[in-house]
Amino acid sequence: AMLQAADAMEGASQDMESIIVKDEQLQDYQAGFIKMYRNTSKATRDFVEAFKKQDRSAAEEALSNLQKATTPEPKLVADINSYCSAN
């Protein structure tokens, strides 16, 4: 299930990257989401790999990276919603 989530995040980043956006502010938001999705996907895969190897320190590092990867989400969502509702 976790690898499916990682695949979904990677797919979402690719789908989002293929969208042509002309508005510079929306391009910034798009780049933020792409980076977040890719980092989340990588950290998830790293966590699964560490778990399989029973490597506790690598799992803890991957979990920390996963938490860092998802930290921008609330601000990105709030900012894009605010921007779109104002324009």
C-alpha atoms as a PDB file:
ATOM      1  CA  ALA A   1       0.000   0.000   0.000  1.00  0.00           C
ATOM      2  CA  MET A   2       2.823   2.409   0.785  1.00  0.00           C
ATOM      3  CA  LEU A   3       4.478   1.763  -2.560  1.00  0.00           C
ATOM      4  CA  GLN A   4       1.139   2.411  -4.260  1.00  0.00           C
ATOM      5  CA  ALA A   5       1.006   5.749  -2.454  1.00  0.00           C
ATOM      6  CA  ALA A   6       4.549   6.513  -3.633  1.00  0.00           C
ATOM      7  CA  ASP A   7       3.557   5.594  -7.196  1.00  0.00           C
ATOM      8  CA  ALA A   8       0.496   7.843  -6.947  1.00  0.00           C
ATOM      9  CA  MET A   9       2.625  10.767  -5.739  1.00  0.00           C
ATOM     10  CA  GLU A  10       5.140  10.253  -8.527  1.00  0.00           C
ATOM     11  CA  GLY A  11       2.314  10.034 -11.064  1.00  0.00           C
ATOM     12  CA  ALA A  12       0.740  13.195  -9.673  1.00  0.00           C
ATOM     13  CA  SER A  13       4.038  15.050  -9.983  1.00  0.00           C
ATOM     14  CA  GLN A  14       4.383  13.951 -13.611  1.00  0.00           C
ATOM     15  CA  ASP A  15       0.775  14.872 -14.393  1.00  0.00           C
ATOM     16  CA  MET A  16       1.178  18.263 -12.752  1.00  0.00           C
ATOM     17  CA  GLU A  17       4.446  18.891 -14.580  1.00  0.00           C
ATOM     18  CA  SER A  18       2.735  18.280 -17.931  1.00  0.00           C
ATOM     19  CA  ILE A  19       0.198  21.068 -17.314  1.00  0.00           C
ATOM     20  CA  ILE A  20       1.135  24.278 -19.094  1.00  0.00           C
ATOM     21  CA  VAL A  21       0.609  27.240 -16.786  1.00  0.00           C
ATOM     22  CA  LYS A  22       1.180  30.786 -18.003  1.00  0.00           C
ATOM     23  CA  ASP A  23       0.578  32.652 -14.746  1.00  0.00           C
ATOM     24  CA  GLU A  24       3.927  33.059 -12.961  1.00  0.00           C
ATOM     25  CA  GLN A  25       2.458  32.781  -9.465  1.00  0.00           C
ATOM     26  CA  LEU A  26       0.639  29.579 -10.405  1.00  0.00           C
ATOM     27  CA  GLN A  27       3.898  28.281 -11.896  1.00  0.00           C
ATOM     28  CA  ASP A  28       5.511  28.782  -8.483  1.00  0.00           C
ATOM     29  CA  TYR A  29       2.699  26.864  -6.778  1.00  0.00           C
ATOM     30  CA  GLN A  30       2.942  24.158  -9.424  1.00  0.00           C
ATOM     31  CA  ALA A  31       6.691  23.804  -8.809  1.00  0.00           C
ATOM     32  CA  GLY A  32       6.057  23.603  -5.064  1.00  0.00           C
ATOM     33  CA  PHE A  33       3.531  20.798  -5.456  1.00  0.00           C
ATOM     34  CA  ILE A  34       5.781  18.902  -7.888  1.00  0.00           C
ATOM     35  CA  LYS A  35       8.715  19.112  -5.467  1.00  0.00           C
ATOM     36  CA  MET A  36       6.543  18.060  -2.536  1.00  0.00           C
ATOM     37  CA  TYR A  37       5.073  15.081  -4.407  1.00  0.00           C
ATOM     38  CA  ARG A  38       8.507  13.900  -5.582  1.00  0.00           C
ATOM     39  CA  ASN A  39      10.078  14.272  -2.147  1.00  0.00           C
ATOM     40  CA  THR A  40       7.130  12.470  -0.555  1.00  0.00           C
ATOM     41  CA  SER A  41       7.401   9.639  -3.066  1.00  0.00           C
ATOM     42  CA  LYS A  42      11.151   9.260  -2.507  1.00  0.00           C
ATOM     43  CA  ALA A  43      10.880   9.347   1.282  1.00  0.00           C
ATOM     44  CA  THR A  44       8.070   6.777   1.191  1.00  0.00           C
ATOM     45  CA  ARG A  45      10.131   4.442  -0.994  1.00  0.00           C
ATOM     46  CA  ASP A  46      13.158   4.927   1.261  1.00  0.00           C
ATOM     47  CA  PHE A  47      11.030   4.087   4.308  1.00  0.00           C
ATOM     48  CA  VAL A  48       9.674   0.899   2.723  1.00  0.00           C
ATOM     49  CA  GLU A  49      13.184  -0.177   1.732  1.00  0.00           C
ATOM     50  CA  ALA A  50      14.547   0.480   5.228  1.00  0.00           C
ATOM     51  CA  PHE A  51      11.617  -1.392   6.774  1.00  0.00           C
ATOM     52  CA  LYS A  52      12.272  -4.410   4.523  1.00  0.00           C
ATOM     53  CA  LYS A  53      15.934  -4.396   5.560  1.00  0.00           C
ATOM     54  CA  GLN A  54      14.966  -3.854   9.205  1.00  0.00           C
ATOM     55  CA  ASP A  55      17.287  -0.852   9.248  1.00  0.00           C
ATOM     56  CA  ARG A  56      15.901   1.233  12.079  1.00  0.00           C
ATOM     57  CA  SER A  57      18.141   4.274  11.610  1.00  0.00           C
ATOM     58  CA  ALA A  58      17.388   4.439   7.875  1.00  0.00           C
ATOM     59  CA  ALA A  59      13.669   4.047   8.616  1.00  0.00           C
ATOM     60  CA  GLU A  60      13.803   6.889  11.143  1.00  0.00           C
ATOM     61  CA  GLU A  61      15.660   9.081   8.660  1.00  0.00           C
ATOM     62  CA  ALA A  62      13.140   8.266   5.926  1.00  0.00           C
ATOM     63  CA  LEU A  63      10.260   9.031   8.282  1.00  0.00           C
ATOM     64  CA  SER A  64      11.847  12.370   9.161  1.00  0.00           C
ATOM     65  CA  ASN A  65      12.293  13.117   5.447  1.00  0.00           C
ATOM     66  CA  LEU A  66       8.672  12.157   4.827  1.00  0.00           C
ATOM     67  CA  GLN A  67       7.513  14.582   7.512  1.00  0.00           C
ATOM     68  CA  LYS A  68       9.691  17.331   6.022  1.00  0.00           C
ATOM     69  CA  ALA A  69       8.412  16.564   2.522  1.00  0.00           C
ATOM     70  CA  THR A  70       4.781  17.026   3.519  1.00  0.00           C
ATOM     71  CA  THR A  71       5.323  20.129   5.677  1.00  0.00           C
ATOM     72  CA  PRO A  72       4.732  22.609   2.797  1.00  0.00           C
ATOM     73  CA  GLU A  73       1.316  21.153   1.905  1.00  0.00           C
ATOM     74  CA  PRO A  74      -0.984  23.211   4.169  1.00  0.00           C
ATOM     75  CA  LYS A  75       0.687  26.484   3.161  1.00  0.00           C
ATOM     76  CA  LEU A  76       0.701  25.584  -0.541  1.00  0.00           C
ATOM     77  CA  VAL A  77      -2.986  24.686  -0.443  1.00  0.00           C
ATOM     78  CA  ALA A  78      -3.927  27.800   1.533  1.00  0.00           C
ATOM     79  CA  ASP A  79      -1.839  30.073  -0.689  1.00  0.00           C
ATOM     80  CA  ILE A  80      -3.180  28.713  -3.968  1.00  0.00           C
ATOM     81  CA  ASN A  81      -6.759  28.833  -2.687  1.00  0.00           C
ATOM     82  CA  SER A  82      -6.283  32.424  -1.555  1.00  0.00           C
ATOM     83  CA  TYR A  83      -4.654  33.414  -4.839  1.00  0.00           C
ATOM     84  CA  CYS A  84      -7.337  31.775  -6.963  1.00  0.00           C
ATOM     85  CA  SER A  85     -10.218  33.218  -4.940  1.00  0.00           C
ATOM     86  CA  ALA A  86      -8.729  36.718  -5.300  1.00  0.00           C
ATOM     87  CA  ASN A  87      -8.269  36.433  -9.070  1.00  0.00           C
END
